[in-house]
Structure formats: C-alpha cells, structure tokens
Amino acid sequence: MKQGTPGFNGERLKLACDIRGVNIAGLQGMIEISRQMISLYMSGEKTPAPETFNKIADKLNFPKEFFLRNSIAENSSPVFYRSMSYTTKIQRTSARGRYIVLKEIFAFLEQYIDPVYLSFPDFEIKDPYKLTENDIDSFANQVRKLWNLNYGPISNITQLLENKGVIMTGFQMDAEGLNAFSEWDDITGRPFIILNFDKSDIKAVRMRFNAAHELGHLLFHSNVDKNDLTNSTKFKIQENQVNRFASSFLLPESTFPIEVKWPTLDNFVDLKKRWKVSIQAMIMRCEQLGIITEHQKTNLFINISKRHWRMEEPLDDIIETEKPLFLYKAFKLILNEVLSVDELLHQLCYFPIDIQEIACLPENMLHKKEIYDIMEIRRKKDNF
C-alpha cells in the first residue's frame, strides 16, 4: 500500500496553484497524475505519496514545508478589483493568492515589530449608493483635515498611506485590466492596498491615482455585500464614486482651481510637475469643478490625441514611481537585529524570489545564490 504525506494540506496545494496561475489540468500535465487524484489532494481526502509530493513542490516552485502549514483564515470583507470586467478569474485568483501570501508575511512580521498605528477615518456610511458628489468631495476634505494635510499637492501618497497604517505593496499581476486592488482585512484589522507594477503603460502619476482610488474603496465600500461586486450597476457606481474621491483628494477644490489660470495643454504640463496628477485627470477635474465646459474638455482631448499623449504624457519618464517601504524596513530591522536569512526563510516557508516580489523588496535582499538561481531557472522554464 502506497504511503501518503502526513500533514499535507490540500488547501495549500490549491493556493500554490492559484499563485502560479495553474489549474488542475495544468498541474496534471506537470506531475502526470489524474485530475481526479489532484482534486482528492486538494479536498484533503487523500495525500500524495512522497515521490508525487516532491514533484508537486518542485514543479510549483515552493518549499515542501509550504504544503504542511495550516491555512490562513478566510476573510469576509469584499476585495475591490479594478477592473473586474477586464480580468479573468484565473488572473484574479492568482493576484488573490499572492495577497494571501502578503497577509502571511505581515503576520510573520507582527511577531517581531509593532506596525504603524492605524489612523483611519470612519465615516459610518450606512448606504454608500446614496452618496452625492458633494458628499464625496466633503469626505475628501475631511480626510485631509484628519491627516493634518494642507490643501496643496500630496508629495508622496504611498508614504502617506503607509504612515496612516495601510499595508501596501506592488507586484506583477500579468492582468491587462487589473491596475490595483484593496481590502479591509477583518482578521488583521488592517486595510491593504496592492498596486500592479507590471504594466508599462501605468506611469507614476497613474499609480498615485490608483492608490487614491483604492483609498476611496476602503473608506466607502468596506461593508458592502460581496454580491454587489458582480452587480454591474452597483459596481459602476462604486467606481464612479472612488474616481471622484481620488480626483477631489488629489486636486482639492479650494486650491487647485486657483492655479489653473489658463486651461491649455502646455499649462497642464506645468501643473502636472507640481501636483503629480496626469494631464488627462486634471482636465476631467476641471470639468467637474466648472473651470471648463464639456466642449472645451472634448477639444483638449482631441489635442491630446494629436500630440500622441494618450498613452504617454510629458513628464511620465521623469516623475518617479513611489515604492512602498514599510515591509522593506520591517524585514531590514528583523534581519539586522533578530534573525538570519536562513532562520527567516525557514519560518516563512517561501523561497526568496516570492517573498521579494510580493513584499516589494530589493531583488537580492534575501539572496541565497544556490536557491535563487535554481528557482529563477525553474520559473523561466515553467513561465511562472
């Protein structure tokens, strides 16, 4: 009788497949085991023989200890994906899988460090679908006031959010329509924002807007029913609301209009340098505030197309992308004062390449050459 693998967790196998973007058929091709048997492994009804277990760990590029850990508790809060209609289920599950890894990383870090104090407004919104544009603008102003911001440009929104207790990272999502996603995690009691760092057309200013967009979701929609996310009408309302919030938060009504002396494209270039908001977003905001008419907005966008600025605007190659730093600083502190790299990797049960990518760490921060090189070769071979 064949021996199984004591302690093998089928949910961890499902998580590993989600992270790698591999379905049951894909895993079957890797390890030459029937789909039915893989399903039994995932459900926990059976565990793989040691030889099969070795193949699973090898092909999916995870330490064997990963599959022997307990599963992370499920969260009941909704996850806000941009844009759900343009992403496949496998893209969302892959991003969701890496988000679960992020939460495991955060739980590990909490054993050794005290996270930033959470300073987050609670507007006690009972029905977000009744919010008016004036309500949203008022909330944007209240957030600035609570966080002791003036009404000028926000120099670094990523650093601002991290300083207020938001856990942020960015990694490659391989999803054309997935710019960012967020969740208020009711287990850790923390808001999380994850940005997509793999799209060449997403510039620094766009990522800043995405971060403000996700902040709006966390403020307005953390208590909505999960079914609302698949309701196209309600989902569109949510997106319109947080886009309005992001515009209002980044370009306040009390100060931004004063600087728009002449709404020309050349003047918007100068404003972009100061406010770090895209020209196209500033034009939309000017129409919202009545600075320009719809006709003027249309003409400005026509001229943007003539100048070939739709995909790449002036200053996009100059304004630096904001990188999350909290996780990096936490790892650095632990490695300097508490654990060796070997001890840290043993406790986390992930290879360096995954931890570094998901936590947005420098490439060689957890570098162990013999492990890193092997995993990188496998990753390229299997297109993970």
Protein backbone atom coordinates (compact mmCIF):
# COMPACT_ATOMS: atom_id res chain seq x y z
CA MET A 1 0.00 0.00 0.00
CA LYS A 2 1.36 3.40 -1.01
CA GLN A 3 2.25 5.83 1.73
CA GLY A 4 0.81 9.31 1.77
CA THR A 5 2.34 12.51 3.16
CA PRO A 6 1.34 13.15 6.79
CA GLY A 7 0.35 16.76 7.39
CA PHE A 8 -0.14 17.58 3.71
CA ASN A 9 -2.66 20.43 3.42
CA GLY A 10 -4.81 20.28 0.29
CA GLU A 11 -5.82 23.93 0.66
CA ARG A 12 -2.16 24.89 0.43
CA LEU A 13 -1.93 22.96 -2.83
CA LYS A 14 -4.90 24.93 -4.15
CA LEU A 15 -3.23 28.17 -3.00
CA ALA A 16 0.05 27.23 -4.72
CA CYS A 17 -1.81 26.59 -7.99
CA ASP A 18 -3.67 29.88 -7.67
CA ILE A 19 -0.45 31.82 -7.11
CA ARG A 20 1.19 30.23 -10.14
CA GLY A 21 -1.90 30.60 -12.31
CA VAL A 22 -2.14 26.83 -12.81
CA ASN A 23 -5.44 24.96 -12.96
CA ILE A 24 -5.96 21.26 -12.30
CA ALA A 25 -5.37 20.37 -15.95
CA GLY A 26 -2.11 22.30 -15.94
CA LEU A 27 -0.91 20.59 -12.78
CA GLN A 28 -1.88 17.24 -14.24
CA GLY A 29 0.46 17.88 -17.16
CA MET A 30 3.28 18.75 -14.77
CA ILE A 31 3.13 15.76 -12.45
CA GLU A 32 1.32 13.15 -14.60
CA ILE A 33 -1.37 12.37 -12.05
CA SER A 34 -5.09 12.14 -12.86
CA ARG A 35 -7.30 15.18 -12.37
CA GLN A 36 -9.45 13.15 -10.03
CA MET A 37 -6.49 12.38 -7.79
CA ILE A 38 -5.41 16.03 -7.75
CA SER A 39 -8.94 17.02 -6.72
CA LEU A 40 -8.73 14.48 -3.89
CA TYR A 41 -5.44 16.03 -2.76
CA MET A 42 -6.99 19.48 -2.78
CA SER A 43 -10.07 18.40 -0.88
CA GLY A 44 -7.96 16.64 1.76
CA GLU A 45 -9.48 13.23 1.09
CA LYS A 46 -6.08 11.87 0.07
CA THR A 47 -2.46 12.97 0.37
CA PRO A 48 0.24 12.42 -2.27
CA ALA A 49 2.88 9.76 -2.00
CA PRO A 50 6.35 11.14 -1.13
CA GLU A 51 7.55 10.89 -4.74
CA THR A 52 4.47 12.75 -6.01
CA PHE A 53 4.79 15.30 -3.22
CA ASN A 54 8.37 16.01 -4.31
CA LYS A 55 7.17 16.56 -7.88
CA ILE A 56 4.42 18.95 -6.75
CA ALA A 57 6.82 21.06 -4.71
CA ASP A 58 9.42 21.03 -7.49
CA LYS A 59 7.07 21.91 -10.36
CA LEU A 60 5.19 24.63 -8.47
CA ASN A 61 8.41 26.10 -7.04
CA PHE A 62 7.53 26.03 -3.35
CA PRO A 63 9.41 24.59 -0.37
CA LYS A 64 7.85 21.34 0.77
CA GLU A 65 7.20 22.91 4.18
CA PHE A 66 4.78 25.32 2.47
CA PHE A 67 2.32 22.47 1.87
CA LEU A 68 2.47 21.33 5.50
CA ARG A 69 1.36 24.64 7.05
CA ASN A 70 -2.11 25.49 8.29
CA SER A 71 -4.35 27.51 6.00
CA ILE A 72 -4.86 31.20 6.62
CA ALA A 73 -8.33 32.08 7.88
CA GLU A 74 -10.74 33.34 5.22
CA ASN A 75 -11.78 36.96 5.32
CA SER A 76 -15.40 38.05 4.95
CA SER A 77 -14.63 41.53 3.60
CA PRO A 78 -15.04 42.32 -0.12
CA VAL A 79 -11.94 42.64 -2.29
CA PHE A 80 -12.08 45.53 -4.76
CA TYR A 81 -10.52 44.61 -8.08
CA ARG A 82 -10.00 47.15 -10.86
CA SER A 83 -11.47 46.42 -13.43
CA MET A 84 -13.35 43.21 -12.89
CA SER A 85 -14.90 43.12 -16.37
CA TYR A 86 -11.43 43.10 -17.99
CA THR A 87 -9.76 40.45 -15.85
CA THR A 88 -10.16 36.70 -15.99
CA LYS A 89 -10.95 34.57 -12.98
CA ILE A 90 -7.50 32.96 -13.08
CA GLN A 91 -5.86 36.43 -13.06
CA ARG A 92 -7.89 37.45 -10.02
CA THR A 93 -7.25 34.18 -8.20
CA SER A 94 -3.51 34.49 -8.90
CA ALA A 95 -3.48 38.04 -7.50
CA ARG A 96 -5.65 36.89 -4.59
CA GLY A 97 -3.25 34.01 -3.88
CA ARG A 98 -0.28 36.34 -3.67
CA TYR A 99 -2.33 38.64 -1.47
CA ILE A 100 -2.80 35.72 0.95
CA VAL A 101 0.99 35.31 0.95
CA LEU A 102 1.27 39.02 1.75
CA LYS A 103 -1.01 38.58 4.76
CA GLU A 104 1.09 35.63 5.94
CA ILE A 105 4.20 37.78 5.56
CA PHE A 106 2.54 40.56 7.57
CA ALA A 107 1.51 38.11 10.29
CA PHE A 108 5.12 36.92 10.47
CA LEU A 109 6.44 40.48 10.74
CA GLU A 110 3.97 41.32 13.51
CA GLN A 111 5.71 38.77 15.73
CA TYR A 112 8.81 40.98 15.77
CA ILE A 113 7.74 44.56 15.13
CA ASP A 114 4.94 46.93 16.06
CA PRO A 115 3.09 48.08 12.91
CA VAL A 116 2.32 51.72 12.35
CA TYR A 117 -0.59 52.99 14.43
CA LEU A 118 -3.76 52.87 12.35
CA SER A 119 -5.16 56.37 11.90
CA PHE A 120 -8.11 55.95 9.59
CA PRO A 121 -11.37 57.91 9.35
CA ASP A 122 -14.65 56.13 9.93
CA PHE A 123 -17.48 57.98 8.21
CA GLU A 124 -20.06 55.37 9.31
CA ILE A 125 -21.64 55.28 5.86
CA LYS A 126 -24.77 53.14 6.01
CA ASP A 127 -25.66 53.22 2.31
CA PRO A 128 -22.80 54.26 0.01
CA TYR A 129 -25.08 54.22 -3.01
CA LYS A 130 -26.83 57.33 -1.71
CA LEU A 131 -23.64 59.40 -1.59
CA THR A 132 -23.70 62.56 -3.70
CA GLU A 133 -20.73 64.17 -5.40
CA ASN A 134 -20.81 66.89 -2.75
CA ASP A 135 -20.70 64.21 -0.03
CA ILE A 136 -17.64 62.64 -1.64
CA ASP A 137 -15.87 65.99 -2.00
CA SER A 138 -16.64 66.74 1.65
CA PHE A 139 -15.20 63.39 2.75
CA ALA A 140 -12.03 64.05 0.73
CA ASN A 141 -11.61 67.35 2.56
CA GLN A 142 -12.27 65.67 5.91
CA VAL A 143 -9.55 63.08 5.26
CA ARG A 144 -7.06 65.85 4.52
CA LYS A 145 -8.07 67.64 7.71
CA LEU A 146 -7.87 64.48 9.86
CA TRP A 147 -4.43 63.67 8.50
CA ASN A 148 -3.20 67.25 9.03
CA LEU A 149 -2.58 67.85 5.34
CA ASN A 150 -2.70 71.28 3.78
CA TYR A 151 -4.59 71.74 0.53
CA GLY A 152 -1.58 71.67 -1.74
CA PRO A 153 -0.12 68.73 -3.69
CA ILE A 154 0.48 65.44 -1.86
CA SER A 155 4.17 64.78 -2.37
CA ASN A 156 4.05 61.02 -1.81
CA ILE A 157 0.66 59.34 -1.38
CA THR A 158 2.19 55.88 -0.87
CA GLN A 159 4.25 57.09 2.07
CA LEU A 160 1.23 58.98 3.40
CA LEU A 161 -0.97 55.87 3.39
CA GLU A 162 1.74 53.71 4.96
CA ASN A 163 2.22 56.31 7.68
CA LYS A 164 -1.51 56.07 8.45
CA GLY A 165 -1.36 52.28 8.84
CA VAL A 166 -2.25 50.97 5.39
CA ILE A 167 -0.24 47.89 4.36
CA MET A 168 0.89 48.49 0.79
CA THR A 169 2.84 46.61 -1.82
CA GLY A 170 3.07 46.24 -5.55
CA PHE A 171 3.84 43.24 -7.71
CA GLN A 172 3.37 41.90 -11.21
CA MET A 173 -0.16 40.70 -11.84
CA ASP A 174 0.00 39.82 -15.56
CA ALA A 175 -3.50 41.22 -15.97
CA GLU A 176 -4.23 43.94 -18.52
CA GLY A 177 -7.23 45.37 -16.69
CA LEU A 178 -6.08 44.93 -13.09
CA ASN A 179 -4.43 48.18 -12.02
CA ALA A 180 -4.80 47.67 -8.26
CA PHE A 181 -6.98 46.07 -5.62
CA SER A 182 -7.68 46.59 -1.95
CA GLU A 183 -9.38 45.06 1.07
CA TRP A 184 -10.11 45.91 4.65
CA ASP A 185 -8.94 42.69 6.29
CA ASP A 186 -11.21 41.92 9.24
CA ILE A 187 -8.74 39.37 10.63
CA THR A 188 -5.72 41.64 11.00
CA GLY A 189 -7.92 44.74 11.29
CA ARG A 190 -5.80 46.42 8.64
CA PRO A 191 -6.51 47.98 5.25
CA PHE A 192 -4.38 46.59 2.40
CA ILE A 193 -3.68 48.16 -0.99
CA ILE A 194 -1.88 46.24 -3.74
CA LEU A 195 -0.72 48.01 -6.90
CA ASN A 196 0.07 46.41 -10.24
CA PHE A 197 3.74 47.02 -11.05
CA ASP A 198 3.96 45.08 -14.31
CA LYS A 199 2.16 47.33 -16.78
CA SER A 200 4.47 49.50 -18.84
CA ASP A 201 1.65 51.94 -19.62
CA ILE A 202 1.00 52.66 -15.92
CA LYS A 203 3.12 55.65 -15.04
CA ALA A 204 3.92 57.11 -11.64
CA VAL A 205 1.03 59.58 -11.79
CA ARG A 206 -1.40 56.79 -12.68
CA MET A 207 -0.22 54.69 -9.74
CA ARG A 208 -0.77 57.66 -7.42
CA PHE A 209 -4.32 57.99 -8.72
CA ASN A 210 -4.83 54.23 -8.31
CA ALA A 211 -3.73 54.46 -4.67
CA ALA A 212 -6.20 57.31 -4.01
CA HIS A 213 -8.86 55.31 -5.85
CA GLU A 214 -8.33 52.32 -3.55
CA LEU A 215 -8.37 54.60 -0.52
CA GLY A 216 -11.86 55.62 -1.61
CA HIS A 217 -12.97 51.98 -1.70
CA LEU A 218 -11.62 51.40 1.81
CA LEU A 219 -13.46 54.46 3.12
CA PHE A 220 -16.80 53.99 1.36
CA HIS A 221 -17.30 50.34 0.48
CA SER A 222 -15.71 48.10 3.12
CA ASN A 223 -19.14 47.00 4.34
CA VAL A 224 -20.88 46.42 1.01
CA ASP A 225 -22.23 42.98 0.19
CA LYS A 226 -19.79 40.88 -1.83
CA ASN A 227 -22.56 40.27 -4.36
CA ASP A 228 -22.50 43.98 -5.18
CA LEU A 229 -19.11 43.47 -6.82
CA THR A 230 -20.66 41.29 -9.50
CA ASN A 231 -23.65 43.61 -9.98
CA SER A 232 -22.60 45.74 -12.95
CA THR A 233 -24.81 48.67 -11.96
CA LYS A 234 -23.60 48.84 -8.36
CA PHE A 235 -20.00 48.16 -9.36
CA LYS A 236 -20.12 51.10 -11.80
CA ILE A 237 -21.49 53.37 -9.06
CA GLN A 238 -18.66 52.32 -6.76
CA GLU A 239 -16.04 53.02 -9.43
CA ASN A 240 -17.50 56.43 -10.24
CA GLN A 241 -17.55 57.32 -6.55
CA VAL A 242 -13.93 56.42 -5.88
CA ASN A 243 -12.74 58.09 -9.07
CA ARG A 244 -14.47 61.25 -7.87
CA PHE A 245 -12.87 60.84 -4.45
CA ALA A 246 -9.39 60.35 -5.93
CA SER A 247 -9.78 63.50 -8.05
CA SER A 248 -11.07 65.53 -5.13
CA PHE A 249 -8.44 64.23 -2.72
CA LEU A 250 -5.51 64.86 -5.07
CA LEU A 251 -6.85 68.12 -6.58
CA PRO A 252 -8.79 70.00 -3.86
CA GLU A 253 -11.50 72.41 -4.91
CA SER A 254 -10.20 75.12 -2.56
CA THR A 255 -6.74 75.40 -4.13
CA PHE A 256 -6.31 73.62 -7.45
CA PRO A 257 -8.62 75.92 -9.50
CA ILE A 258 -6.61 78.96 -8.43
CA GLU A 259 -3.58 77.55 -10.24
CA VAL A 260 -5.47 76.77 -13.45
CA LYS A 261 -5.09 80.27 -14.86
CA TRP A 262 -5.24 79.17 -18.48
CA PRO A 263 -6.60 75.65 -19.22
CA THR A 264 -4.19 74.88 -22.04
CA LEU A 265 -2.20 71.67 -22.52
CA ASP A 266 1.10 73.47 -22.01
CA ASN A 267 -0.12 74.91 -18.71
CA PHE A 268 -1.34 71.48 -17.62
CA VAL A 269 2.19 70.17 -18.19
CA ASP A 270 3.46 72.73 -15.67
CA LEU A 271 0.67 71.81 -13.24
CA LYS A 272 1.48 68.12 -13.62
CA LYS A 273 5.04 68.73 -12.44
CA ARG A 274 3.70 70.27 -9.23
CA TRP A 275 0.58 68.18 -8.48
CA LYS A 276 1.85 64.81 -9.84
CA VAL A 277 -1.50 64.08 -11.45
CA SER A 278 -1.93 63.18 -15.13
CA ILE A 279 -2.93 65.88 -17.60
CA GLN A 280 -5.99 63.87 -18.56
CA ALA A 281 -7.11 63.53 -14.93
CA MET A 282 -6.64 67.27 -14.39
CA ILE A 283 -8.79 68.03 -17.42
CA MET A 284 -11.56 65.78 -16.05
CA ARG A 285 -11.28 67.51 -12.68
CA CYS A 286 -11.52 70.95 -14.32
CA GLU A 287 -14.80 69.96 -15.94
CA GLN A 288 -16.09 68.63 -12.59
CA LEU A 289 -15.32 71.98 -10.98
CA GLY A 290 -16.83 74.04 -13.81
CA ILE A 291 -13.47 75.53 -14.81
CA ILE A 292 -14.00 74.33 -18.38
CA THR A 293 -17.06 73.27 -20.36
CA GLU A 294 -17.69 69.83 -21.81
CA HIS A 295 -16.91 71.30 -25.24
CA GLN A 296 -13.55 72.60 -24.02
CA LYS A 297 -12.80 69.23 -22.44
CA THR A 298 -13.51 67.49 -25.76
CA ASN A 299 -11.22 69.85 -27.64
CA LEU A 300 -8.44 69.32 -25.11
CA PHE A 301 -8.68 65.55 -25.51
CA ILE A 302 -8.66 65.93 -29.30
CA ASN A 303 -5.42 67.89 -28.99
CA ILE A 304 -4.01 65.27 -26.62
CA SER A 305 -4.59 62.67 -29.33
CA LYS A 306 -2.97 64.90 -31.94
CA ARG A 307 0.10 65.22 -29.75
CA HIS A 308 0.11 61.44 -29.13
CA TRP A 309 -0.23 61.92 -25.37
CA ARG A 310 -2.99 59.37 -24.77
CA MET A 311 -0.61 56.59 -23.73
CA GLU A 312 2.41 58.65 -22.67
CA GLU A 313 2.27 62.23 -21.49
CA PRO A 314 5.09 64.71 -20.91
CA LEU A 315 6.96 64.10 -17.62
CA ASP A 316 5.90 60.45 -17.43
CA ASP A 317 9.54 59.47 -17.75
CA ILE A 318 10.64 62.00 -15.12
CA ILE A 319 8.19 61.70 -12.22
CA GLU A 320 9.46 58.82 -10.10
CA THR A 321 7.29 55.86 -9.17
CA GLU A 322 6.50 55.73 -5.46
CA LYS A 323 7.55 52.46 -3.83
CA PRO A 324 6.10 51.08 -0.58
CA LEU A 325 8.73 50.99 2.16
CA PHE A 326 7.11 49.65 5.35
CA LEU A 327 7.65 45.97 4.55
CA TYR A 328 11.22 46.64 3.41
CA LYS A 329 12.03 48.50 6.64
CA ALA A 330 10.45 45.73 8.71
CA PHE A 331 12.48 43.00 7.00
CA LYS A 332 15.64 45.07 7.29
CA LEU A 333 15.11 45.57 11.03
CA ILE A 334 14.48 41.87 11.65
CA LEU A 335 17.49 40.77 9.61
CA ASN A 336 19.74 43.29 11.33
CA GLU A 337 18.65 42.57 14.90
CA VAL A 338 16.67 39.32 15.24
CA LEU A 339 17.00 36.60 12.59
CA SER A 340 19.44 35.38 9.99
CA VAL A 341 18.27 34.94 6.40
CA ASP A 342 18.20 31.15 6.93
CA GLU A 343 16.03 31.48 10.04
CA LEU A 344 13.69 33.93 8.34
CA LEU A 345 13.19 31.72 5.27
CA HIS A 346 12.64 28.68 7.47
CA GLN A 347 9.88 30.44 9.39
CA LEU A 348 8.16 31.88 6.31
CA CYS A 349 8.36 28.69 4.19
CA TYR A 350 8.71 30.59 0.92
CA PHE A 351 11.60 30.93 -1.46
CA PRO A 352 13.34 34.35 -1.55
CA ILE A 353 12.13 35.17 -5.05
CA ASP A 354 8.46 35.04 -4.00
CA ILE A 355 8.92 36.97 -0.74
CA GLN A 356 10.91 39.68 -2.52
CA GLU A 357 8.36 40.06 -5.31
CA ILE A 358 5.25 40.06 -3.15
CA ALA A 359 6.66 42.29 -0.40
CA CYS A 360 8.26 44.65 -2.94
CA LEU A 361 11.78 44.06 -1.57
CA PRO A 362 15.07 44.67 -3.40
CA GLU A 363 15.94 41.73 -5.62
CA ASN A 364 18.87 40.42 -3.58
CA MET A 365 17.70 41.31 -0.08
CA LEU A 366 17.08 37.65 0.82
CA HIS A 367 19.64 36.41 -1.64
CA LYS A 368 20.88 32.85 -1.25
CA LYS A 369 22.59 32.24 -4.55
CA GLU A 370 22.17 28.49 -4.75
CA ILE A 371 18.42 28.73 -4.05
CA TYR A 372 17.77 31.91 -6.02
CA ASP A 373 19.46 30.67 -9.21
CA ILE A 374 17.65 27.32 -9.15
CA MET A 375 14.24 28.93 -8.59
CA GLU A 376 14.84 31.54 -11.29
CA ILE A 377 15.74 28.81 -13.81
CA ARG A 378 12.61 26.85 -12.94
CA ARG A 379 10.43 29.97 -13.10
CA LYS A 380 11.65 30.82 -16.60
CA LYS A 381 11.28 27.21 -17.73
CA ASP A 382 7.68 26.92 -16.47
CA ASN A 383 6.74 30.53 -17.36
CA PHE A 384 5.67 31.43 -13.81
